[in-house]
Amino acid sequence: MRPLCALKAMEKVAKKCLSKNQPEALLEYAAATLLEELGYQEVLFRFTDKDRSSREIVAKSEQALPGGMAEIFHPISLEGKSMLLMRIKIREPETLDSLEKTILDAIGNQLAVALKNYLLFDAVSSTKEYLEAVLQGSCDAICTTDMQGRIVYFSPGAEKIFGYAAQEVLGQPVANYFEKGREEAERIMDLLLKQDTLRDHPTVFIGRDGSRIFCSMSASLIRDKKGRVLGTLGVSKDVTQKILLEERLKKLSITDGLTGLYNQRYFYEVLDKEMKRARRQNSDLSLMLLDMDHFKSLNDQQGHLAGDRVLREISRVLSESIRQDLDIAFRYGGDEFAVLLPGLDAEGSRAVAERIQKAGRREELPVTFSIGIANCHPDHSVRQLIHVADRALYESKRARRGSIHCI
């Protein structure tokens, strides 16, 4: 899946951006990484060097493929200023999907920030000017607090990330801006007092607009010449885009594309976790299997598009009929579905099954479904519980199509 390769390339480039590199070396590495991970035929970066001359870095695949080539231009701007032009050549008729374009944007932004920082470092000579330029020009959120946890310094980067003006937050408790509030602020302070520094600590802030902002924070204690602690310094990198991309990729990997329900792969993972939790808490757990009756005939007579439409309708009925935030529905196979019912015994599970069938009749679905239910025993393995549920489903179909059987 190319978006996964693009995410891997983004992580490689991000690590390279953290080390001190000349622009040429960094862009050569980025171009080679995109060729290796994504199979592009050619990658070009055009940028303006410190002497204001235009430079180009080009990397070409050693394995040229036959056929026409498509050029994709990707200009990268930072704070309204053009920093970099990325040109990619791919073999026609390949295209870039929206997720891959988003990841390429993120890679370009990483390179643009690294390029900006390099030019800034080269331009600033005195230590005082350099420090002021770093604080003012950093895209990361830089914040200092006193020993009471009140904000003393709030950088322009912090203003952009969190949406607050510095004058709004100076003197305010930093705990006010963590998602977990005082609990998180005290936890970070305890870690700093134990180990003096903190690197890449994952945390979540709340922005001025109420949005969740995922950050990777590095922090340290500020000490005077005598070693006395004066406060803290925190540098937070906004990783919200990366986290959301990872969550989206995770969701794609566990979701059935047709129905929107969780897929079979995720079913086994969740079933194992729920069975362990049921044993630990000594609570009930039931597994329900549903099979559509005469679905093959419907496919044969009306076509696969009609069959897909029915699968989606049944998935919707299933999702609306189970207990929200408690029960979990999956597409288990072609025309077979599974539902995990934590905390329910056979009687409670039968009530849910009857509710599902009643909803199906109300929606006038063109098929019925037989249902088999197995209640989890403490000695059951995953395989054994599925086998019992399969047996219950078989008994349901043998008795009468559209019936319910519990074991």
Protein backbone atom coordinates (compact mmCIF):
# COMPACT_ATOMS: atom_id res chain seq x y z
CA MET A 1 0.00 0.00 0.00
CA ARG A 2 1.83 3.14 -1.23
CA PRO A 3 0.50 5.49 1.51
CA LEU A 4 2.19 3.22 4.09
CA CYS A 5 5.48 3.52 2.16
CA ALA A 6 4.97 7.30 2.00
CA LEU A 7 4.53 7.41 5.78
CA LYS A 8 7.74 5.39 6.19
CA ALA A 9 9.55 7.85 3.90
CA MET A 10 8.18 10.76 5.98
CA GLU A 11 9.60 9.22 9.17
CA LYS A 12 13.03 8.71 7.56
CA VAL A 13 13.17 12.30 6.29
CA ALA A 14 11.96 13.63 9.66
CA LYS A 15 14.89 11.92 11.44
CA LYS A 16 17.35 13.29 8.88
CA CYS A 17 15.94 16.81 9.34
CA LEU A 18 16.80 16.66 13.05
CA SER A 19 20.52 16.24 12.33
CA LYS A 20 22.78 19.01 11.06
CA ASN A 21 22.98 18.70 7.29
CA GLN A 22 23.84 20.97 4.40
CA PRO A 23 20.76 21.54 2.19
CA GLU A 24 22.30 19.56 -0.67
CA ALA A 25 22.95 16.49 1.50
CA LEU A 26 19.49 16.64 3.09
CA LEU A 27 17.67 16.99 -0.24
CA GLU A 28 19.78 14.26 -1.86
CA TYR A 29 18.81 11.93 1.00
CA ALA A 30 15.12 12.90 0.71
CA ALA A 31 15.10 12.35 -3.06
CA ALA A 32 16.81 8.95 -2.74
CA THR A 33 14.36 7.95 0.02
CA LEU A 34 11.33 8.80 -2.14
CA LEU A 35 12.78 6.76 -5.02
CA GLU A 36 13.48 3.80 -2.75
CA GLU A 37 10.24 3.76 -0.76
CA LEU A 38 7.71 4.88 -3.38
CA GLY A 39 9.20 3.71 -6.67
CA TYR A 40 9.10 7.11 -8.40
CA GLN A 41 11.12 7.36 -11.61
CA GLU A 42 12.63 10.77 -10.82
CA VAL A 43 12.57 13.29 -7.96
CA LEU A 44 13.80 16.88 -8.32
CA PHE A 45 14.11 19.57 -5.64
CA ARG A 46 14.68 23.21 -6.59
CA PHE A 47 15.59 25.71 -3.86
CA THR A 48 17.30 29.04 -3.31
CA ASP A 49 20.73 28.82 -1.66
CA LYS A 50 22.17 31.25 0.90
CA ASP A 51 23.73 33.34 -1.93
CA ARG A 52 20.22 33.63 -3.46
CA SER A 53 21.14 31.42 -6.43
CA SER A 54 18.72 28.74 -7.63
CA ARG A 55 19.92 25.16 -7.07
CA GLU A 56 18.57 21.79 -8.18
CA ILE A 57 18.95 18.33 -6.70
CA VAL A 58 17.89 15.45 -8.98
CA ALA A 59 17.68 11.72 -8.29
CA LYS A 60 16.72 9.21 -10.97
CA SER A 61 15.72 5.58 -10.69
CA GLU A 62 18.30 3.13 -11.96
CA GLN A 63 15.50 0.90 -13.20
CA ALA A 64 13.83 2.92 -15.92
CA LEU A 65 10.43 1.48 -16.83
CA PRO A 66 8.91 1.60 -20.34
CA GLY A 67 5.97 3.83 -21.12
CA GLY A 68 5.06 7.49 -20.84
CA MET A 69 6.03 9.62 -17.85
CA ALA A 70 3.79 12.01 -15.92
CA GLU A 71 5.30 15.04 -14.15
CA ILE A 72 3.78 16.21 -10.87
CA PHE A 73 4.87 19.58 -9.48
CA HIS A 74 4.61 20.13 -5.74
CA PRO A 75 5.50 23.69 -4.61
CA ILE A 76 6.17 24.07 -0.87
CA SER A 77 5.61 27.36 0.97
CA LEU A 78 6.35 28.24 4.58
CA GLU A 79 4.58 31.16 6.24
CA GLY A 80 3.53 32.47 2.83
CA LYS A 81 7.05 32.30 1.36
CA SER A 82 8.01 29.88 -1.42
CA MET A 83 10.76 27.63 -0.04
CA LEU A 84 11.01 24.61 -2.27
CA LEU A 85 9.74 23.03 -5.48
CA MET A 86 9.33 19.27 -5.59
CA ARG A 87 8.90 17.64 -9.00
CA ILE A 88 8.06 13.95 -9.25
CA LYS A 89 8.01 11.77 -12.32
CA ILE A 90 5.89 8.65 -12.26
CA ARG A 91 5.02 6.16 -14.95
CA GLU A 92 1.64 6.72 -16.60
CA PRO A 93 -1.16 5.93 -15.85
CA GLU A 94 -0.20 5.94 -12.12
CA THR A 95 -1.57 8.77 -9.99
CA LEU A 96 -1.14 10.07 -6.45
CA ASP A 97 -4.17 9.66 -4.17
CA SER A 98 -5.18 12.35 -1.66
CA LEU A 99 -3.53 10.58 1.28
CA GLU A 100 -0.21 10.25 -0.55
CA LYS A 101 -0.37 13.94 -1.54
CA THR A 102 -0.99 14.87 2.11
CA ILE A 103 2.07 12.88 3.21
CA LEU A 104 4.19 14.48 0.47
CA ASP A 105 3.02 17.88 1.77
CA ALA A 106 4.24 16.88 5.23
CA ILE A 107 7.63 15.75 3.84
CA GLY A 108 7.96 19.01 1.91
CA ASN A 109 7.13 21.04 5.03
CA GLN A 110 9.77 19.15 7.04
CA LEU A 111 12.38 19.91 4.38
CA ALA A 112 11.27 23.54 4.12
CA VAL A 113 11.61 24.04 7.90
CA ALA A 114 15.05 22.37 7.88
CA LEU A 115 16.10 24.56 4.93
CA LYS A 116 14.81 27.68 6.67
CA ASN A 117 16.67 26.77 9.86
CA TYR A 118 19.88 26.20 7.92
CA LEU A 119 19.63 29.58 6.18
CA LEU A 120 18.80 31.22 9.50
CA PHE A 121 21.81 29.61 11.21
CA ASP A 122 24.12 30.73 8.43
CA ALA A 123 22.78 34.29 8.50
CA VAL A 124 23.03 34.84 12.26
CA SER A 125 26.50 35.28 13.73
CA SER A 126 26.26 36.57 17.29
CA THR A 127 25.07 34.27 20.08
CA LYS A 128 22.45 36.69 21.32
CA GLU A 129 21.02 37.30 17.86
CA TYR A 130 21.11 33.57 17.14
CA LEU A 131 19.16 32.72 20.29
CA GLU A 132 16.57 35.41 19.65
CA ALA A 133 16.21 34.30 16.03
CA VAL A 134 15.71 30.66 17.08
CA LEU A 135 13.03 31.59 19.59
CA GLN A 136 11.25 33.90 17.18
CA GLY A 137 11.65 31.76 14.07
CA SER A 138 11.06 28.28 15.44
CA CYS A 139 7.92 26.59 14.23
CA ASP A 140 7.85 24.60 17.47
CA ALA A 141 6.14 25.80 20.64
CA ILE A 142 8.73 27.03 23.15
CA CYS A 143 7.44 27.75 26.63
CA THR A 144 9.06 28.43 30.00
CA THR A 145 7.43 28.36 33.43
CA ASP A 146 8.41 29.33 36.95
CA MET A 147 8.41 26.87 39.85
CA GLN A 148 4.72 27.53 40.47
CA GLY A 149 3.94 26.32 36.93
CA ARG A 150 3.03 29.79 35.66
CA ILE A 151 3.93 30.63 32.05
CA VAL A 152 6.85 33.07 31.77
CA TYR A 153 7.67 32.86 28.04
CA PHE A 154 5.41 31.83 25.14
CA SER A 155 7.08 31.81 21.71
CA PRO A 156 5.60 32.92 18.37
CA GLY A 157 5.65 29.24 17.36
CA ALA A 158 3.50 28.44 20.40
CA GLU A 159 1.10 31.23 19.41
CA LYS A 160 0.67 29.69 15.95
CA ILE A 161 0.28 26.12 17.16
CA PHE A 162 -2.13 26.75 20.05
CA GLY A 163 -3.90 29.86 18.77
CA TYR A 164 -3.29 31.98 21.89
CA ALA A 165 -1.53 35.34 21.90
CA ALA A 166 1.37 35.47 24.37
CA GLN A 167 -0.31 38.20 26.45
CA GLU A 168 -3.32 35.89 26.99
CA VAL A 169 -1.31 33.13 28.66
CA LEU A 170 1.61 34.84 30.42
CA GLY A 171 1.23 34.35 34.16
CA GLN A 172 -1.40 31.62 33.70
CA PRO A 173 -0.88 28.05 35.00
CA VAL A 174 0.44 25.87 32.19
CA ALA A 175 -1.84 23.10 33.51
CA ASN A 176 -4.80 25.02 32.05
CA TYR A 177 -3.69 24.08 28.52
CA PHE A 178 -3.08 20.33 28.88
CA GLU A 179 -5.96 18.05 27.91
CA LYS A 180 -5.47 16.21 31.22
CA GLY A 181 -4.95 19.47 33.08
CA ARG A 182 -3.15 19.51 36.40
CA GLU A 183 -2.64 15.73 36.38
CA GLU A 184 -0.44 15.93 33.27
CA ALA A 185 1.43 19.05 34.43
CA GLU A 186 2.29 17.41 37.77
CA ARG A 187 3.32 14.20 36.02
CA ILE A 188 5.76 16.08 33.76
CA MET A 189 7.19 18.02 36.72
CA ASP A 190 7.69 14.79 38.71
CA LEU A 191 9.58 13.25 35.78
CA LEU A 192 11.77 16.34 35.42
CA LEU A 193 12.63 16.39 39.14
CA LYS A 194 13.64 12.71 38.90
CA GLN A 195 15.64 12.81 35.65
CA ASP A 196 16.24 16.53 34.93
CA THR A 197 15.26 16.22 31.24
CA LEU A 198 12.46 14.75 29.18
CA ARG A 199 12.67 13.76 25.51
CA ASP A 200 9.87 13.08 23.01
CA HIS A 201 7.18 12.88 25.67
CA PRO A 202 3.76 12.39 23.98
CA THR A 203 1.09 14.72 25.31
CA VAL A 204 -2.07 16.50 24.18
CA PHE A 205 -2.90 20.18 24.53
CA ILE A 206 -6.18 21.97 23.96
CA GLY A 207 -6.00 24.87 21.50
CA ARG A 208 -7.84 28.15 21.77
CA ASP A 209 -10.56 26.80 19.45
CA GLY A 210 -11.03 23.71 21.62
CA SER A 211 -9.22 21.36 19.24
CA ARG A 212 -6.92 18.60 20.48
CA ILE A 213 -3.28 19.24 19.57
CA PHE A 214 -1.00 16.19 19.74
CA CYS A 215 2.58 17.12 20.60
CA SER A 216 5.96 15.50 21.15
CA MET A 217 7.52 17.44 24.03
CA SER A 218 11.11 17.74 25.17
CA ALA A 219 11.62 19.55 28.46
CA SER A 220 14.30 20.36 31.02
CA LEU A 221 14.74 22.19 34.30
CA ILE A 222 16.11 25.73 34.21
CA ARG A 223 18.84 26.21 36.84
CA ASP A 224 20.92 29.19 37.96
CA LYS A 225 24.71 29.12 38.30
CA LYS A 226 24.41 27.58 41.76
CA GLY A 227 22.24 24.74 40.45
CA ARG A 228 19.02 25.97 42.00
CA VAL A 229 15.88 25.20 39.97
CA LEU A 230 14.23 28.35 38.62
CA GLY A 231 11.58 26.77 36.41
CA THR A 232 11.12 24.65 33.29
CA LEU A 233 11.73 24.92 29.56
CA GLY A 234 9.52 22.97 27.20
CA VAL A 235 9.77 22.58 23.42
CA SER A 236 6.70 20.98 21.84
CA LYS A 237 6.53 19.78 18.24
CA ASP A 238 3.05 19.59 16.72
CA VAL A 239 2.61 15.99 15.50
CA THR A 240 -1.17 16.17 15.07
CA GLN A 241 -1.03 15.54 11.32
CA LYS A 242 1.20 12.48 11.78
CA ILE A 243 -1.04 11.06 14.54
CA LEU A 244 -4.18 11.57 12.46
CA LEU A 245 -2.55 9.94 9.44
CA GLU A 246 -1.53 6.96 11.57
CA GLU A 247 -5.05 6.70 12.96
CA ARG A 248 -6.51 6.86 9.45
CA LEU A 249 -4.14 4.16 8.19
CA LYS A 250 -4.95 2.04 11.25
CA LYS A 251 -8.67 2.45 10.59
CA LEU A 252 -8.21 1.47 6.94
CA SER A 253 -6.36 -1.68 7.99
CA ILE A 254 -9.14 -2.87 10.35
CA THR A 255 -12.24 -1.78 8.39
CA ASP A 256 -14.16 -3.65 5.72
CA GLY A 257 -14.23 -1.41 2.68
CA LEU A 258 -17.73 -2.37 1.51
CA THR A 259 -19.74 -2.26 4.74
CA GLY A 260 -17.73 0.06 6.96
CA LEU A 261 -17.78 -2.53 9.76
CA TYR A 262 -14.61 -3.89 11.33
CA ASN A 263 -13.00 -6.69 9.31
CA GLN A 264 -12.18 -10.31 10.14
CA ARG A 265 -8.55 -9.56 10.94
CA TYR A 266 -9.57 -7.12 13.66
CA PHE A 267 -12.28 -9.54 14.86
CA TYR A 268 -9.70 -12.07 16.08
CA GLU A 269 -7.67 -9.35 17.80
CA VAL A 270 -10.69 -7.90 19.66
CA LEU A 271 -12.16 -11.32 20.49
CA ASP A 272 -8.92 -12.37 22.21
CA LYS A 273 -8.84 -9.13 24.25
CA GLU A 274 -12.52 -9.37 25.25
CA MET A 275 -12.18 -13.01 26.31
CA LYS A 276 -9.21 -12.15 28.52
CA ARG A 277 -11.12 -9.25 30.04
CA ALA A 278 -14.19 -11.43 30.70
CA ARG A 279 -12.01 -13.96 32.55
CA ARG A 280 -10.24 -11.21 34.51
CA GLN A 281 -13.50 -9.56 35.56
CA ASN A 282 -15.46 -12.82 35.84
CA SER A 283 -18.13 -11.37 33.54
CA ASP A 284 -20.27 -12.71 30.69
CA LEU A 285 -19.32 -12.50 27.03
CA SER A 286 -21.33 -13.79 24.09
CA LEU A 287 -20.40 -14.23 20.44
CA MET A 288 -23.15 -13.90 17.83
CA LEU A 289 -22.72 -15.12 14.25
CA LEU A 290 -25.23 -14.06 11.57
CA ASP A 291 -25.53 -15.62 8.13
CA MET A 292 -27.74 -14.28 5.34
CA ASP A 293 -30.24 -16.82 4.07
CA HIS A 294 -30.34 -17.51 0.30
CA PHE A 295 -27.85 -14.70 -0.39
CA LYS A 296 -26.29 -16.65 -3.27
CA SER A 297 -29.67 -16.80 -5.01
CA LEU A 298 -30.07 -13.03 -4.64
CA ASN A 299 -26.61 -12.50 -6.16
CA ASP A 300 -27.35 -14.87 -9.03
CA GLN A 301 -30.74 -13.33 -9.82
CA GLN A 302 -30.10 -9.61 -9.25
CA GLY A 303 -26.34 -9.31 -9.65
CA HIS A 304 -23.44 -8.47 -7.36
CA LEU A 305 -24.24 -4.75 -7.19
CA ALA A 306 -27.61 -5.58 -5.67
CA GLY A 307 -25.89 -8.01 -3.32
CA ASP A 308 -23.42 -5.34 -2.21
CA ARG A 309 -26.31 -2.96 -1.59
CA VAL A 310 -28.01 -5.53 0.66
CA LEU A 311 -24.75 -6.14 2.56
CA ARG A 312 -24.48 -2.42 3.27
CA GLU A 313 -28.12 -2.25 4.40
CA ILE A 314 -27.70 -5.19 6.76
CA SER A 315 -24.54 -3.61 8.17
CA ARG A 316 -26.47 -0.43 8.90
CA VAL A 317 -29.32 -2.36 10.54
CA LEU A 318 -26.80 -4.30 12.59
CA SER A 319 -24.97 -1.16 13.76
CA GLU A 320 -28.22 0.56 14.75
CA SER A 321 -29.62 -2.46 16.61
CA ILE A 322 -26.73 -3.34 18.92
CA ARG A 323 -25.76 -1.47 22.08
CA GLN A 324 -23.73 1.59 21.15
CA ASP A 325 -20.18 1.80 22.65
CA LEU A 326 -20.59 -1.71 24.12
CA ASP A 327 -21.24 -4.27 21.39
CA ILE A 328 -18.87 -4.57 18.42
CA ALA A 329 -19.95 -5.64 14.92
CA PHE A 330 -17.72 -7.19 12.24
CA ARG A 331 -18.04 -8.46 8.71
CA TYR A 332 -16.78 -11.97 9.35
CA GLY A 333 -16.96 -13.39 5.83
CA GLY A 334 -18.71 -12.91 2.49
CA ASP A 335 -22.30 -12.89 3.76
CA GLU A 336 -21.53 -13.64 7.41
CA PHE A 337 -21.33 -11.17 10.26
CA ALA A 338 -20.17 -11.39 13.86
CA VAL A 339 -21.10 -9.37 16.95
CA LEU A 340 -19.28 -9.41 20.29
CA LEU A 341 -21.61 -8.82 23.24
CA PRO A 342 -19.63 -8.03 26.42
CA GLY A 343 -21.54 -8.51 29.68
CA LEU A 344 -24.46 -10.42 28.12
CA ASP A 345 -25.47 -14.01 28.82
CA ALA A 346 -27.52 -16.18 26.45
CA GLU A 347 -30.83 -14.54 27.41
CA GLY A 348 -29.54 -10.99 26.95
CA SER A 349 -27.85 -11.93 23.65
CA ARG A 350 -31.10 -13.47 22.35
CA ALA A 351 -32.89 -10.18 23.06
CA VAL A 352 -30.30 -8.34 20.92
CA ALA A 353 -30.67 -10.95 18.14
CA GLU A 354 -34.45 -10.56 18.15
CA ARG A 355 -34.05 -6.79 17.96
CA ILE A 356 -31.79 -7.18 14.91
CA GLN A 357 -34.25 -9.47 13.14
CA LYS A 358 -37.18 -7.19 13.96
CA ALA A 359 -35.26 -4.22 12.49
CA GLY A 360 -34.53 -6.26 9.36
CA ARG A 361 -38.24 -6.99 8.86
CA ARG A 362 -39.12 -3.35 9.49
CA GLU A 363 -36.63 -2.26 6.82
CA GLU A 364 -38.11 -4.91 4.46
CA LEU A 365 -34.73 -6.40 3.64
CA PRO A 366 -34.93 -8.89 0.76
CA VAL A 367 -33.21 -11.62 2.83
CA THR A 368 -33.49 -13.02 6.33
CA PHE A 369 -30.56 -14.07 8.46
CA SER A 370 -30.02 -17.02 10.74
CA ILE A 371 -28.29 -16.35 14.04
CA GLY A 372 -26.13 -18.55 16.25
CA ILE A 373 -25.04 -17.42 19.73
CA ALA A 374 -22.36 -18.89 21.99
CA ASN A 375 -21.77 -17.82 25.58
CA CYS A 376 -18.08 -17.75 26.50
CA HIS A 377 -16.93 -20.30 29.08
CA PRO A 378 -13.81 -19.49 31.16
CA ASP A 379 -12.01 -22.52 29.67
CA HIS A 380 -12.80 -21.60 26.05
CA SER A 381 -10.00 -20.69 23.66
CA VAL A 382 -10.70 -18.29 20.79
CA ARG A 383 -10.93 -21.22 18.38
CA GLN A 384 -13.31 -23.13 20.69
CA LEU A 385 -15.68 -20.19 21.18
CA ILE A 386 -15.89 -19.63 17.40
CA HIS A 387 -16.52 -23.35 16.91
CA VAL A 388 -19.41 -23.29 19.41
CA ALA A 389 -20.92 -20.22 17.71
CA ASP A 390 -20.56 -21.92 14.31
CA ARG A 391 -22.36 -24.96 15.68
CA ALA A 392 -25.16 -22.75 17.01
CA LEU A 393 -25.47 -21.09 13.60
CA TYR A 394 -25.63 -24.49 11.91
CA GLU A 395 -28.42 -25.60 14.28
CA SER A 396 -30.28 -22.35 13.56
CA LYS A 397 -30.19 -22.94 9.80
CA ARG A 398 -31.10 -26.60 10.16
CA ALA A 399 -34.13 -25.81 12.34
CA ARG A 400 -35.55 -23.02 10.21
CA ARG A 401 -34.06 -20.24 8.12
CA GLY A 402 -34.21 -16.91 9.94
CA SER A 403 -34.22 -18.46 13.41
CA ILE A 404 -32.02 -17.99 16.48
CA HIS A 405 -30.13 -20.73 18.32
CA CYS A 406 -28.14 -20.26 21.56
CA ILE A 407 -25.56 -22.58 23.09
